[in-house]
mmCIF file of all heavy atoms, coordinates in Angstrom:
data_MODEL
# 
_entry.id   MODEL 
# 
loop_
_atom_site.group_PDB 
_atom_site.id 
_atom_site.type_symbol 
_atom_site.label_atom_id 
_atom_site.label_alt_id 
_atom_site.label_comp_id 
_atom_site.label_asym_id 
_atom_site.label_entity_id 
_atom_site.label_seq_id 
_atom_site.pdbx_PDB_ins_code 
_atom_site.Cartn_x 
_atom_site.Cartn_y 
_atom_site.Cartn_z 
_atom_site.occupancy 
_atom_site.B_iso_or_equiv 
_atom_site.pdbx_formal_charge 
_atom_site.auth_seq_id 
_atom_site.auth_comp_id 
_atom_site.auth_asym_id 
_atom_site.auth_atom_id 
_atom_site.pdbx_PDB_model_num 
ATOM 1   N N   . LEU A 1 1  ? 0.806   -1.195 -0.003  1.00 0.00 ? 1  LEU A N   1 
ATOM 2   C CA  . LEU A 1 1  ? -0.003  -0.018 0.002   1.00 0.00 ? 1  LEU A CA  1 
ATOM 3   C C   . LEU A 1 1  ? 0.863   1.267  -0.009  1.00 0.00 ? 1  LEU A C   1 
ATOM 4   O O   . LEU A 1 1  ? 2.025   1.256  0.435   1.00 0.00 ? 1  LEU A O   1 
ATOM 5   C CB  . LEU A 1 1  ? -0.884  -0.001 1.232   1.00 0.00 ? 1  LEU A CB  1 
ATOM 6   C CG  . LEU A 1 1  ? -2.169  -0.867 1.166   1.00 0.00 ? 1  LEU A CG  1 
ATOM 7   C CD1 . LEU A 1 1  ? -2.588  -1.235 2.546   1.00 0.00 ? 1  LEU A CD1 1 
ATOM 8   C CD2 . LEU A 1 1  ? -3.287  -0.113 0.451   1.00 0.00 ? 1  LEU A CD2 1 
ATOM 9   N N   . ARG A 1 2  ? 0.295   2.360  -0.457  1.00 0.00 ? 2  ARG A N   1 
ATOM 10  C CA  . ARG A 1 2  ? 0.978   3.645  -0.356  1.00 0.00 ? 2  ARG A CA  1 
ATOM 11  C C   . ARG A 1 2  ? 1.119   4.052  1.089   1.00 0.00 ? 2  ARG A C   1 
ATOM 12  O O   . ARG A 1 2  ? 0.294   3.730  1.936   1.00 0.00 ? 2  ARG A O   1 
ATOM 13  C CB  . ARG A 1 2  ? 0.211   4.749  -1.139  1.00 0.00 ? 2  ARG A CB  1 
ATOM 14  C CG  . ARG A 1 2  ? 0.225   4.491  -2.623  1.00 0.00 ? 2  ARG A CG  1 
ATOM 15  C CD  . ARG A 1 2  ? -0.471  5.584  -3.393  1.00 0.00 ? 2  ARG A CD  1 
ATOM 16  N NE  . ARG A 1 2  ? 0.258   6.859  -3.287  1.00 0.00 ? 2  ARG A NE  1 
ATOM 17  C CZ  . ARG A 1 2  ? -0.120  7.969  -3.938  1.00 0.00 ? 2  ARG A CZ  1 
ATOM 18  N NH1 . ARG A 1 2  ? -1.206  7.947  -4.733  1.00 0.00 ? 2  ARG A NH1 1 
ATOM 19  N NH2 . ARG A 1 2  ? 0.551   9.070  -3.806  1.00 0.00 ? 2  ARG A NH2 1 
ATOM 20  N N   . THR A 1 3  ? 2.222   4.717  1.413   1.00 0.00 ? 3  THR A N   1 
ATOM 21  C CA  . THR A 1 3  ? 2.478   5.155  2.755   1.00 0.00 ? 3  THR A CA  1 
ATOM 22  C C   . THR A 1 3  ? 1.503   6.218  3.201   1.00 0.00 ? 3  THR A C   1 
ATOM 23  O O   . THR A 1 3  ? 1.301   7.220  2.472   1.00 0.00 ? 3  THR A O   1 
ATOM 24  C CB  . THR A 1 3  ? 3.923   5.713  2.868   1.00 0.00 ? 3  THR A CB  1 
ATOM 25  O OG1 . THR A 1 3  ? 4.830   4.699  2.454   1.00 0.00 ? 3  THR A OG1 1 
ATOM 26  C CG2 . THR A 1 3  ? 4.245   6.140  4.297   1.00 0.00 ? 3  THR A CG2 1 
ATOM 27  N N   . PRO A 1 4  ? 0.850   6.056  4.365   1.00 0.00 ? 4  PRO A N   1 
ATOM 28  C CA  . PRO A 1 4  ? -0.053  7.095  4.837   1.00 0.00 ? 4  PRO A CA  1 
ATOM 29  C C   . PRO A 1 4  ? 0.712   8.409  5.095   1.00 0.00 ? 4  PRO A C   1 
ATOM 30  O O   . PRO A 1 4  ? 1.865   8.402  5.617   1.00 0.00 ? 4  PRO A O   1 
ATOM 31  C CB  . PRO A 1 4  ? -0.564  6.530  6.191   1.00 0.00 ? 4  PRO A CB  1 
ATOM 32  C CG  . PRO A 1 4  ? -0.348  5.069  6.085   1.00 0.00 ? 4  PRO A CG  1 
ATOM 33  C CD  . PRO A 1 4  ? 0.882   4.844  5.239   1.00 0.00 ? 4  PRO A CD  1 
ATOM 34  N N   . LEU A 1 5  ? 0.099   9.528  4.702   1.00 0.00 ? 5  LEU A N   1 
ATOM 35  C CA  . LEU A 1 5  ? 0.751   10.840 4.889   1.00 0.00 ? 5  LEU A CA  1 
ATOM 36  C C   . LEU A 1 5  ? -0.133  11.735 5.789   1.00 0.00 ? 5  LEU A C   1 
ATOM 37  O O   . LEU A 1 5  ? -1.357  11.726 5.701   1.00 0.00 ? 5  LEU A O   1 
ATOM 38  C CB  . LEU A 1 5  ? 0.875   11.524 3.544   1.00 0.00 ? 5  LEU A CB  1 
ATOM 39  C CG  . LEU A 1 5  ? 1.738   10.801 2.503   1.00 0.00 ? 5  LEU A CG  1 
ATOM 40  C CD1 . LEU A 1 5  ? 1.739   11.599 1.195   1.00 0.00 ? 5  LEU A CD1 1 
ATOM 41  C CD2 . LEU A 1 5  ? 3.181   10.656 2.976   1.00 0.00 ? 5  LEU A CD2 1 
ATOM 42  N N   . THR A 1 6  ? 0.530   12.459 6.712   1.00 0.00 ? 6  THR A N   1 
ATOM 43  C CA  . THR A 1 6  ? -0.173  13.441 7.479   1.00 0.00 ? 6  THR A CA  1 
ATOM 44  C C   . THR A 1 6  ? -0.411  14.703 6.654   1.00 0.00 ? 6  THR A C   1 
ATOM 45  O O   . THR A 1 6  ? 0.102   14.895 5.563   1.00 0.00 ? 6  THR A O   1 
ATOM 46  C CB  . THR A 1 6  ? 0.637   13.830 8.728   1.00 0.00 ? 6  THR A CB  1 
ATOM 47  O OG1 . THR A 1 6  ? 1.874   14.473 8.283   1.00 0.00 ? 6  THR A OG1 1 
ATOM 48  C CG2 . THR A 1 6  ? 1.031   12.609 9.530   1.00 0.00 ? 6  THR A CG2 1 
ATOM 49  N N   . ARG A 1 7  ? -1.213  15.598 7.213   1.00 0.00 ? 7  ARG A N   1 
ATOM 50  C CA  . ARG A 1 7  ? -1.466  16.861 6.526   1.00 0.00 ? 7  ARG A CA  1 
ATOM 51  C C   . ARG A 1 7  ? -0.137  17.623 6.309   1.00 0.00 ? 7  ARG A C   1 
ATOM 52  O O   . ARG A 1 7  ? 0.048   18.160 5.193   1.00 0.00 ? 7  ARG A O   1 
ATOM 53  C CB  . ARG A 1 7  ? -2.397  17.750 7.401   1.00 0.00 ? 7  ARG A CB  1 
ATOM 54  C CG  . ARG A 1 7  ? -2.724  19.094 6.768   1.00 0.00 ? 7  ARG A CG  1 
ATOM 55  C CD  . ARG A 1 7  ? -3.538  19.950 7.738   1.00 0.00 ? 7  ARG A CD  1 
ATOM 56  N NE  . ARG A 1 7  ? -3.770  21.298 7.154   1.00 0.00 ? 7  ARG A NE  1 
ATOM 57  C CZ  . ARG A 1 7  ? -4.915  21.718 6.700   1.00 0.00 ? 7  ARG A CZ  1 
ATOM 58  N NH1 . ARG A 1 7  ? -5.987  20.904 6.675   1.00 0.00 ? 7  ARG A NH1 1 
ATOM 59  N NH2 . ARG A 1 7  ? -5.066  22.940 6.196   1.00 0.00 ? 7  ARG A NH2 1 
ATOM 60  N N   . GLU A 1 8  ? 0.754   17.634 7.288   1.00 0.00 ? 8  GLU A N   1 
ATOM 61  C CA  . GLU A 1 8  ? 2.047   18.325 7.105   1.00 0.00 ? 8  GLU A CA  1 
ATOM 62  C C   . GLU A 1 8  ? 2.853   17.740 6.017   1.00 0.00 ? 8  GLU A C   1 
ATOM 63  O O   . GLU A 1 8  ? 3.528   18.445 5.228   1.00 0.00 ? 8  GLU A O   1 
ATOM 64  C CB  . GLU A 1 8  ? 2.791   18.300 8.458   1.00 0.00 ? 8  GLU A CB  1 
ATOM 65  C CG  . GLU A 1 8  ? 2.177   19.133 9.610   1.00 0.00 ? 8  GLU A CG  1 
ATOM 66  C CD  . GLU A 1 8  ? 0.901   18.543 10.131  1.00 0.00 ? 8  GLU A CD  1 
ATOM 67  O OE1 . GLU A 1 8  ? 0.757   17.267 10.019  1.00 0.00 ? 8  GLU A OE1 1 
ATOM 68  O OE2 . GLU A 1 8  ? 0.053   19.284 10.643  1.00 0.00 ? 8  GLU A OE2 1 
ATOM 69  N N   . GLU A 1 9  ? 2.859   16.369 5.927   1.00 0.00 ? 9  GLU A N   1 
ATOM 70  C CA  . GLU A 1 9  ? 3.565   15.739 4.870   1.00 0.00 ? 9  GLU A CA  1 
ATOM 71  C C   . GLU A 1 9  ? 2.982   15.999 3.504   1.00 0.00 ? 9  GLU A C   1 
ATOM 72  O O   . GLU A 1 9  ? 3.676   16.133 2.529   1.00 0.00 ? 9  GLU A O   1 
ATOM 73  C CB  . GLU A 1 9  ? 3.648   14.209 5.134   1.00 0.00 ? 9  GLU A CB  1 
ATOM 74  C CG  . GLU A 1 9  ? 4.572   13.898 6.339   1.00 0.00 ? 9  GLU A CG  1 
ATOM 75  C CD  . GLU A 1 9  ? 4.378   12.479 6.790   1.00 0.00 ? 9  GLU A CD  1 
ATOM 76  O OE1 . GLU A 1 9  ? 3.325   11.873 6.620   1.00 0.00 ? 9  GLU A OE1 1 
ATOM 77  O OE2 . GLU A 1 9  ? 5.383   11.898 7.357   1.00 0.00 ? 9  GLU A OE2 1 
ATOM 78  N N   . GLN A 1 10 ? 1.621   16.018 3.464   1.00 0.00 ? 10 GLN A N   1 
ATOM 79  C CA  . GLN A 1 10 ? 0.990   16.378 2.221   1.00 0.00 ? 10 GLN A CA  1 
ATOM 80  C C   . GLN A 1 10 ? 1.353   17.776 1.725   1.00 0.00 ? 10 GLN A C   1 
ATOM 81  O O   . GLN A 1 10 ? 1.574   17.998 0.516   1.00 0.00 ? 10 GLN A O   1 
ATOM 82  C CB  . GLN A 1 10 ? -0.557  16.321 2.351   1.00 0.00 ? 10 GLN A CB  1 
ATOM 83  C CG  . GLN A 1 10 ? -1.103  14.921 2.561   1.00 0.00 ? 10 GLN A CG  1 
ATOM 84  C CD  . GLN A 1 10 ? -1.610  14.344 1.220   1.00 0.00 ? 10 GLN A CD  1 
ATOM 85  O OE1 . GLN A 1 10 ? -1.399  14.940 0.163   1.00 0.00 ? 10 GLN A OE1 1 
ATOM 86  N NE2 . GLN A 1 10 ? -2.251  13.179 1.311   1.00 0.00 ? 10 GLN A NE2 1 
ATOM 87  N N   . GLU A 1 11 ? 1.433   18.745 2.678   1.00 0.00 ? 11 GLU A N   1 
ATOM 88  C CA  . GLU A 1 11 ? 1.693   20.115 2.292   1.00 0.00 ? 11 GLU A CA  1 
ATOM 89  C C   . GLU A 1 11 ? 3.102   20.316 1.763   1.00 0.00 ? 11 GLU A C   1 
ATOM 90  O O   . GLU A 1 11 ? 3.371   21.310 1.029   1.00 0.00 ? 11 GLU A O   1 
ATOM 91  C CB  . GLU A 1 11 ? 1.443   21.010 3.497   1.00 0.00 ? 11 GLU A CB  1 
ATOM 92  C CG  . GLU A 1 11 ? -0.058  21.155 3.839   1.00 0.00 ? 11 GLU A CG  1 
ATOM 93  C CD  . GLU A 1 11 ? -0.291  21.945 5.116   1.00 0.00 ? 11 GLU A CD  1 
ATOM 94  O OE1 . GLU A 1 11 ? 0.727   22.162 5.866   1.00 0.00 ? 11 GLU A OE1 1 
ATOM 95  O OE2 . GLU A 1 11 ? -1.439  22.333 5.383   1.00 0.00 ? 11 GLU A OE2 1 
ATOM 96  N N   . LYS A 1 12 ? 3.998   19.420 2.029   1.00 0.00 ? 12 LYS A N   1 
ATOM 97  C CA  . LYS A 1 12 ? 5.372   19.500 1.458   1.00 0.00 ? 12 LYS A CA  1 
ATOM 98  C C   . LYS A 1 12 ? 5.419   19.029 0.023   1.00 0.00 ? 12 LYS A C   1 
ATOM 99  O O   . LYS A 1 12 ? 6.435   19.264 -0.666  1.00 0.00 ? 12 LYS A O   1 
ATOM 100 C CB  . LYS A 1 12 ? 6.311   18.660 2.316   1.00 0.00 ? 12 LYS A CB  1 
ATOM 101 C CG  . LYS A 1 12 ? 6.500   19.227 3.722   1.00 0.00 ? 12 LYS A CG  1 
ATOM 102 C CD  . LYS A 1 12 ? 7.422   18.338 4.545   1.00 0.00 ? 12 LYS A CD  1 
ATOM 103 C CE  . LYS A 1 12 ? 7.595   18.876 5.970   1.00 0.00 ? 12 LYS A CE  1 
ATOM 104 N NZ  . LYS A 1 12 ? 8.474   17.972 6.780   1.00 0.00 ? 12 LYS A NZ  1 
ATOM 105 N N   . LEU A 1 13 ? 4.349   18.329 -0.438  1.00 0.00 ? 13 LEU A N   1 
ATOM 106 C CA  . LEU A 1 13 ? 4.334   17.841 -1.827  1.00 0.00 ? 13 LEU A CA  1 
ATOM 107 C C   . LEU A 1 13 ? 3.835   18.924 -2.787  1.00 0.00 ? 13 LEU A C   1 
ATOM 108 O O   . LEU A 1 13 ? 3.078   19.803 -2.378  1.00 0.00 ? 13 LEU A O   1 
ATOM 109 C CB  . LEU A 1 13 ? 3.421   16.598 -1.896  1.00 0.00 ? 13 LEU A CB  1 
ATOM 110 C CG  . LEU A 1 13 ? 3.766   15.374 -1.088  1.00 0.00 ? 13 LEU A CG  1 
ATOM 111 C CD1 . LEU A 1 13 ? 2.675   14.375 -1.202  1.00 0.00 ? 13 LEU A CD1 1 
ATOM 112 C CD2 . LEU A 1 13 ? 5.083   14.777 -1.550  1.00 0.00 ? 13 LEU A CD2 1 
ATOM 113 N N   . PRO A 1 14 ? 4.247   18.848 -4.037  1.00 0.00 ? 14 PRO A N   1 
ATOM 114 C CA  . PRO A 1 14 ? 3.637   19.718 -5.062  1.00 0.00 ? 14 PRO A CA  1 
ATOM 115 C C   . PRO A 1 14 ? 2.136   19.492 -5.126  1.00 0.00 ? 14 PRO A C   1 
ATOM 116 O O   . PRO A 1 14 ? 1.681   18.347 -4.869  1.00 0.00 ? 14 PRO A O   1 
ATOM 117 C CB  . PRO A 1 14 ? 4.312   19.288 -6.376  1.00 0.00 ? 14 PRO A CB  1 
ATOM 118 C CG  . PRO A 1 14 ? 5.545   18.545 -5.953  1.00 0.00 ? 14 PRO A CG  1 
ATOM 119 C CD  . PRO A 1 14 ? 5.248   17.944 -4.611  1.00 0.00 ? 14 PRO A CD  1 
ATOM 120 N N   . PRO A 1 15 ? 1.321   20.509 -5.405  1.00 0.00 ? 15 PRO A N   1 
ATOM 121 C CA  . PRO A 1 15 ? -0.128  20.381 -5.383  1.00 0.00 ? 15 PRO A CA  1 
ATOM 122 C C   . PRO A 1 15 ? -0.657  19.179 -6.221  1.00 0.00 ? 15 PRO A C   1 
ATOM 123 O O   . PRO A 1 15 ? -1.585  18.504 -5.770  1.00 0.00 ? 15 PRO A O   1 
ATOM 124 C CB  . PRO A 1 15 ? -0.626  21.689 -5.953  1.00 0.00 ? 15 PRO A CB  1 
ATOM 125 C CG  . PRO A 1 15 ? 0.471   22.668 -5.586  1.00 0.00 ? 15 PRO A CG  1 
ATOM 126 C CD  . PRO A 1 15 ? 1.734   21.888 -5.678  1.00 0.00 ? 15 PRO A CD  1 
ATOM 127 N N   . HIS A 1 16 ? -0.037  18.944 -7.326  1.00 0.00 ? 16 HIS A N   1 
ATOM 128 C CA  . HIS A 1 16 ? -0.522  17.831 -8.209  1.00 0.00 ? 16 HIS A CA  1 
ATOM 129 C C   . HIS A 1 16 ? -0.277  16.453 -7.645  1.00 0.00 ? 16 HIS A C   1 
ATOM 130 O O   . HIS A 1 16 ? -0.815  15.463 -8.142  1.00 0.00 ? 16 HIS A O   1 
ATOM 131 C CB  . HIS A 1 16 ? 0.039   17.978 -9.639  1.00 0.00 ? 16 HIS A CB  1 
ATOM 132 C CG  . HIS A 1 16 ? 1.518   17.669 -9.712  1.00 0.00 ? 16 HIS A CG  1 
ATOM 133 N ND1 . HIS A 1 16 ? 2.459   18.611 -9.381  1.00 0.00 ? 16 HIS A ND1 1 
ATOM 134 C CD2 . HIS A 1 16 ? 2.199   16.555 -10.055 1.00 0.00 ? 16 HIS A CD2 1 
ATOM 135 C CE1 . HIS A 1 16 ? 3.665   18.075 -9.532  1.00 0.00 ? 16 HIS A CE1 1 
ATOM 136 N NE2 . HIS A 1 16 ? 3.556   16.865 -9.935  1.00 0.00 ? 16 HIS A NE2 1 
ATOM 137 N N   . GLU A 1 17 ? 0.599   16.362 -6.614  1.00 0.00 ? 17 GLU A N   1 
ATOM 138 C CA  . GLU A 1 17 ? 0.906   15.044 -5.970  1.00 0.00 ? 17 GLU A CA  1 
ATOM 139 C C   . GLU A 1 17 ? 0.112   14.813 -4.724  1.00 0.00 ? 17 GLU A C   1 
ATOM 140 O O   . GLU A 1 17 ? 0.209   13.746 -4.170  1.00 0.00 ? 17 GLU A O   1 
ATOM 141 C CB  . GLU A 1 17 ? 2.397   14.965 -5.732  1.00 0.00 ? 17 GLU A CB  1 
ATOM 142 C CG  . GLU A 1 17 ? 3.276   14.922 -6.962  1.00 0.00 ? 17 GLU A CG  1 
ATOM 143 C CD  . GLU A 1 17 ? 4.759   14.742 -6.632  1.00 0.00 ? 17 GLU A CD  1 
ATOM 144 O OE1 . GLU A 1 17 ? 5.051   14.386 -5.458  1.00 0.00 ? 17 GLU A OE1 1 
ATOM 145 O OE2 . GLU A 1 17 ? 5.580   14.957 -7.492  1.00 0.00 ? 17 GLU A OE2 1 
ATOM 146 N N   . ARG A 1 18 ? -0.656  15.788 -4.276  1.00 0.00 ? 18 ARG A N   1 
ATOM 147 C CA  . ARG A 1 18 ? -1.456  15.598 -3.059  1.00 0.00 ? 18 ARG A CA  1 
ATOM 148 C C   . ARG A 1 18 ? -2.716  14.805 -3.363  1.00 0.00 ? 18 ARG A C   1 
ATOM 149 O O   . ARG A 1 18 ? -3.380  15.065 -4.332  1.00 0.00 ? 18 ARG A O   1 
ATOM 150 C CB  . ARG A 1 18 ? -1.852  16.976 -2.461  1.00 0.00 ? 18 ARG A CB  1 
ATOM 151 C CG  . ARG A 1 18 ? -0.619  17.784 -2.067  1.00 0.00 ? 18 ARG A CG  1 
ATOM 152 C CD  . ARG A 1 18 ? -0.968  19.203 -1.631  1.00 0.00 ? 18 ARG A CD  1 
ATOM 153 N NE  . ARG A 1 18 ? 0.216   20.032 -1.548  1.00 0.00 ? 18 ARG A NE  1 
ATOM 154 C CZ  . ARG A 1 18 ? 0.211   21.362 -1.387  1.00 0.00 ? 18 ARG A CZ  1 
ATOM 155 N NH1 . ARG A 1 18 ? -0.951  21.953 -1.277  1.00 0.00 ? 18 ARG A NH1 1 
ATOM 156 N NH2 . ARG A 1 18 ? 1.309   22.005 -1.304  1.00 0.00 ? 18 ARG A NH2 1 
ATOM 157 N N   . ASP A 1 19 ? -2.994  13.828 -2.534  1.00 0.00 ? 19 ASP A N   1 
ATOM 158 C CA  . ASP A 1 19 ? -4.086  12.905 -2.791  1.00 0.00 ? 19 ASP A CA  1 
ATOM 159 C C   . ASP A 1 19 ? -4.803  12.654 -1.475  1.00 0.00 ? 19 ASP A C   1 
ATOM 160 O O   . ASP A 1 19 ? -4.202  12.200 -0.530  1.00 0.00 ? 19 ASP A O   1 
ATOM 161 C CB  . ASP A 1 19 ? -3.547  11.565 -3.381  1.00 0.00 ? 19 ASP A CB  1 
ATOM 162 C CG  . ASP A 1 19 ? -4.673  10.706 -3.894  1.00 0.00 ? 19 ASP A CG  1 
ATOM 163 O OD1 . ASP A 1 19 ? -5.769  10.704 -3.269  1.00 0.00 ? 19 ASP A OD1 1 
ATOM 164 O OD2 . ASP A 1 19 ? -4.451  9.989  -4.906  1.00 0.00 ? 19 ASP A OD2 1 
ATOM 165 N N   . MET A 1 20 ? -6.106  12.943 -1.473  1.00 0.00 ? 20 MET A N   1 
ATOM 166 C CA  . MET A 1 20 ? -6.864  12.821 -0.198  1.00 0.00 ? 20 MET A CA  1 
ATOM 167 C C   . MET A 1 20 ? -6.901  11.381 0.268   1.00 0.00 ? 20 MET A C   1 
ATOM 168 O O   . MET A 1 20 ? -7.046  11.118 1.474   1.00 0.00 ? 20 MET A O   1 
ATOM 169 C CB  . MET A 1 20 ? -8.238  13.372 -0.311  1.00 0.00 ? 20 MET A CB  1 
ATOM 170 C CG  . MET A 1 20 ? -9.170  12.622 -1.262  1.00 0.00 ? 20 MET A CG  1 
ATOM 171 S SD  . MET A 1 20 ? -10.784 13.467 -1.352  1.00 0.00 ? 20 MET A SD  1 
ATOM 172 C CE  . MET A 1 20 ? -11.605 12.456 -2.537  1.00 0.00 ? 20 MET A CE  1 
ATOM 173 N N   . PHE A 1 21 ? -6.730  10.404 -0.617  1.00 0.00 ? 21 PHE A N   1 
ATOM 174 C CA  . PHE A 1 21 ? -6.858  9.013  -0.188  1.00 0.00 ? 21 PHE A CA  1 
ATOM 175 C C   . PHE A 1 21 ? -5.610  8.504  0.501   1.00 0.00 ? 21 PHE A C   1 
ATOM 176 O O   . PHE A 1 21 ? -5.601  7.464  1.159   1.00 0.00 ? 21 PHE A O   1 
ATOM 177 C CB  . PHE A 1 21 ? -7.216  8.116  -1.379  1.00 0.00 ? 21 PHE A CB  1 
ATOM 178 C CG  . PHE A 1 21 ? -8.536  8.426  -2.015  1.00 0.00 ? 21 PHE A CG  1 
ATOM 179 C CD1 . PHE A 1 21 ? -8.723  8.302  -3.412  1.00 0.00 ? 21 PHE A CD1 1 
ATOM 180 C CD2 . PHE A 1 21 ? -9.573  8.874  -1.245  1.00 0.00 ? 21 PHE A CD2 1 
ATOM 181 C CE1 . PHE A 1 21 ? -9.918  8.595  -3.960  1.00 0.00 ? 21 PHE A CE1 1 
ATOM 182 C CE2 . PHE A 1 21 ? -10.811 9.143  -1.799  1.00 0.00 ? 21 PHE A CE2 1 
ATOM 183 C CZ  . PHE A 1 21 ? -11.005 9.046  -3.195  1.00 0.00 ? 21 PHE A CZ  1 
ATOM 184 N N   . THR A 1 22 ? -4.481  9.228  0.333   1.00 0.00 ? 22 THR A N   1 
ATOM 185 C CA  . THR A 1 22 ? -3.263  8.846  1.041   1.00 0.00 ? 22 THR A CA  1 
ATOM 186 C C   . THR A 1 22 ? -3.124  9.604  2.365   1.00 0.00 ? 22 THR A C   1 
ATOM 187 O O   . THR A 1 22 ? -2.260  9.304  3.153   1.00 0.00 ? 22 THR A O   1 
ATOM 188 C CB  . THR A 1 22 ? -1.986  9.071  0.206   1.00 0.00 ? 22 THR A CB  1 
ATOM 189 O OG1 . THR A 1 22 ? -1.936  10.510 -0.136  1.00 0.00 ? 22 THR A OG1 1 
ATOM 190 C CG2 . THR A 1 22 ? -2.031  8.255  -1.048  1.00 0.00 ? 22 THR A CG2 1 
ATOM 191 N N   . PHE A 1 23 ? -4.004  10.521 2.617   1.00 0.00 ? 23 PHE A N   1 
ATOM 192 C CA  . PHE A 1 23 ? -4.009  11.242 3.868   1.00 0.00 ? 23 PHE A CA  1 
ATOM 193 C C   . PHE A 1 23 ? -4.550  10.329 4.976   1.00 0.00 ? 23 PHE A C   1 
ATOM 194 O O   . PHE A 1 23 ? -5.638  9.759  4.819   1.00 0.00 ? 23 PHE A O   1 
ATOM 195 C CB  . PHE A 1 23 ? -4.829  12.540 3.809   1.00 0.00 ? 23 PHE A CB  1 
ATOM 196 C CG  . PHE A 1 23 ? -5.064  13.137 5.170   1.00 0.00 ? 23 PHE A CG  1 
ATOM 197 C CD1 . PHE A 1 23 ? -4.075  13.808 5.824   1.00 0.00 ? 23 PHE A CD1 1 
ATOM 198 C CD2 . PHE A 1 23 ? -6.294  12.957 5.758   1.00 0.00 ? 23 PHE A CD2 1 
ATOM 199 C CE1 . PHE A 1 23 ? -4.312  14.326 7.096   1.00 0.00 ? 23 PHE A CE1 1 
ATOM 200 C CE2 . PHE A 1 23 ? -6.575  13.474 7.037   1.00 0.00 ? 23 PHE A CE2 1 
ATOM 201 C CZ  . PHE A 1 23 ? -5.541  14.174 7.699   1.00 0.00 ? 23 PHE A CZ  1 
ATOM 202 N N   . VAL A 1 24 ? -3.848  10.299 6.104   1.00 0.00 ? 24 VAL A N   1 
ATOM 203 C CA  . VAL A 1 24 ? -4.301  9.552  7.275   1.00 0.00 ? 24 VAL A CA  1 
ATOM 204 C C   . VAL A 1 24 ? -4.026  10.381 8.511   1.00 0.00 ? 24 VAL A C   1 
ATOM 205 O O   . VAL A 1 24 ? -2.850  10.728 8.747   1.00 0.00 ? 24 VAL A O   1 
ATOM 206 C CB  . VAL A 1 24 ? -3.622  8.171  7.401   1.00 0.00 ? 24 VAL A CB  1 
ATOM 207 C CG1 . VAL A 1 24 ? -4.061  7.457  8.671   1.00 0.00 ? 24 VAL A CG1 1 
ATOM 208 C CG2 . VAL A 1 24 ? -3.931  7.298  6.184   1.00 0.00 ? 24 VAL A CG2 1 
ATOM 209 N N   . SER A 1 25 ? -5.043  10.695 9.267   1.00 0.00 ? 25 SER A N   1 
ATOM 210 C CA  . SER A 1 25 ? -4.851  11.473 10.497  1.00 0.00 ? 25 SER A CA  1 
ATOM 211 C C   . SER A 1 25 ? -4.019  10.650 11.508  1.00 0.00 ? 25 SER A C   1 
ATOM 212 O O   . SER A 1 25 ? -4.097  9.429  11.529  1.00 0.00 ? 25 SER A O   1 
ATOM 213 C CB  . SER A 1 25 ? -6.212  11.805 11.151  1.00 0.00 ? 25 SER A CB  1 
ATOM 214 O OG  . SER A 1 25 ? -6.934  12.673 10.343  1.00 0.00 ? 25 SER A OG  1 
ATOM 215 N N   . PRO A 1 26 ? -3.211  11.285 12.324  1.00 0.00 ? 26 PRO A N   1 
ATOM 216 C CA  . PRO A 1 26 ? -2.471  10.615 13.370  1.00 0.00 ? 26 PRO A CA  1 
ATOM 217 C C   . PRO A 1 26 ? -3.441  9.813  14.221  1.00 0.00 ? 26 PRO A C   1 
ATOM 218 O O   . PRO A 1 26 ? -4.536  10.254 14.552  1.00 0.00 ? 26 PRO A O   1 
ATOM 219 C CB  . PRO A 1 26 ? -1.758  11.730 14.145  1.00 0.00 ? 26 PRO A CB  1 
ATOM 220 C CG  . PRO A 1 26 ? -1.702  12.876 13.179  1.00 0.00 ? 26 PRO A CG  1 
ATOM 221 C CD  . PRO A 1 26 ? -2.933  12.772 12.345  1.00 0.00 ? 26 PRO A CD  1 
ATOM 222 N N   . PHE A 1 27 ? -3.000  8.622  14.676  1.00 0.00 ? 27 PHE A N   1 
ATOM 223 C CA  . PHE A 1 27 ? -3.791  7.811  15.539  1.00 0.00 ? 27 PHE A CA  1 
ATOM 224 C C   . PHE A 1 27 ? -4.022  8.509  16.855  1.00 0.00 ? 27 PHE A C   1 
ATOM 225 O O   . PHE A 1 27 ? -3.041  8.901  17.526  1.00 0.00 ? 27 PHE A O   1 
ATOM 226 C CB  . PHE A 1 27 ? -3.111  6.452  15.781  1.00 0.00 ? 27 PHE A CB  1 
ATOM 227 C CG  . PHE A 1 27 ? -3.918  5.447  16.496  1.00 0.00 ? 27 PHE A CG  1 
ATOM 228 C CD1 . PHE A 1 27 ? -4.993  4.783  15.903  1.00 0.00 ? 27 PHE A CD1 1 
ATOM 229 C CD2 . PHE A 1 27 ? -3.601  5.104  17.838  1.00 0.00 ? 27 PHE A CD2 1 
ATOM 230 C CE1 . PHE A 1 27 ? -5.744  3.881  16.606  1.00 0.00 ? 27 PHE A CE1 1 
ATOM 231 C CE2 . PHE A 1 27 ? -4.393  4.204  18.553  1.00 0.00 ? 27 PHE A CE2 1 
ATOM 232 C CZ  . PHE A 1 27 ? -5.465  3.584  17.894  1.00 0.00 ? 27 PHE A CZ  1 
ATOM 233 N N   . ASN A 1 28 ? -5.279  8.662  17.265  1.00 0.00 ? 28 ASN A N   1 
ATOM 234 C CA  . ASN A 1 28 ? -5.583  9.484  18.502  1.00 0.00 ? 28 ASN A CA  1 
ATOM 235 C C   . ASN A 1 28 ? -6.894  9.005  19.048  1.00 0.00 ? 28 ASN A C   1 
ATOM 236 O O   . ASN A 1 28 ? -7.941  9.498  18.705  1.00 0.00 ? 28 ASN A O   1 
ATOM 237 C CB  . ASN A 1 28 ? -5.605  10.939 18.147  1.00 0.00 ? 28 ASN A CB  1 
ATOM 238 C CG  . ASN A 1 28 ? -5.797  11.809 19.336  1.00 0.00 ? 28 ASN A CG  1 
ATOM 239 O OD1 . ASN A 1 28 ? -5.741  11.358 20.485  1.00 0.00 ? 28 ASN A OD1 1 
ATOM 240 N ND2 . ASN A 1 28 ? -6.007  13.095 19.096  1.00 0.00 ? 28 ASN A ND2 1 
# 
């Protein structure tokens, strides 16, 4: 599977590489 990314990790990517399905909130 693709590696889960936090919001902060998503924001470091170019806009065209951000994908809502790879976003995973921290376990809490």
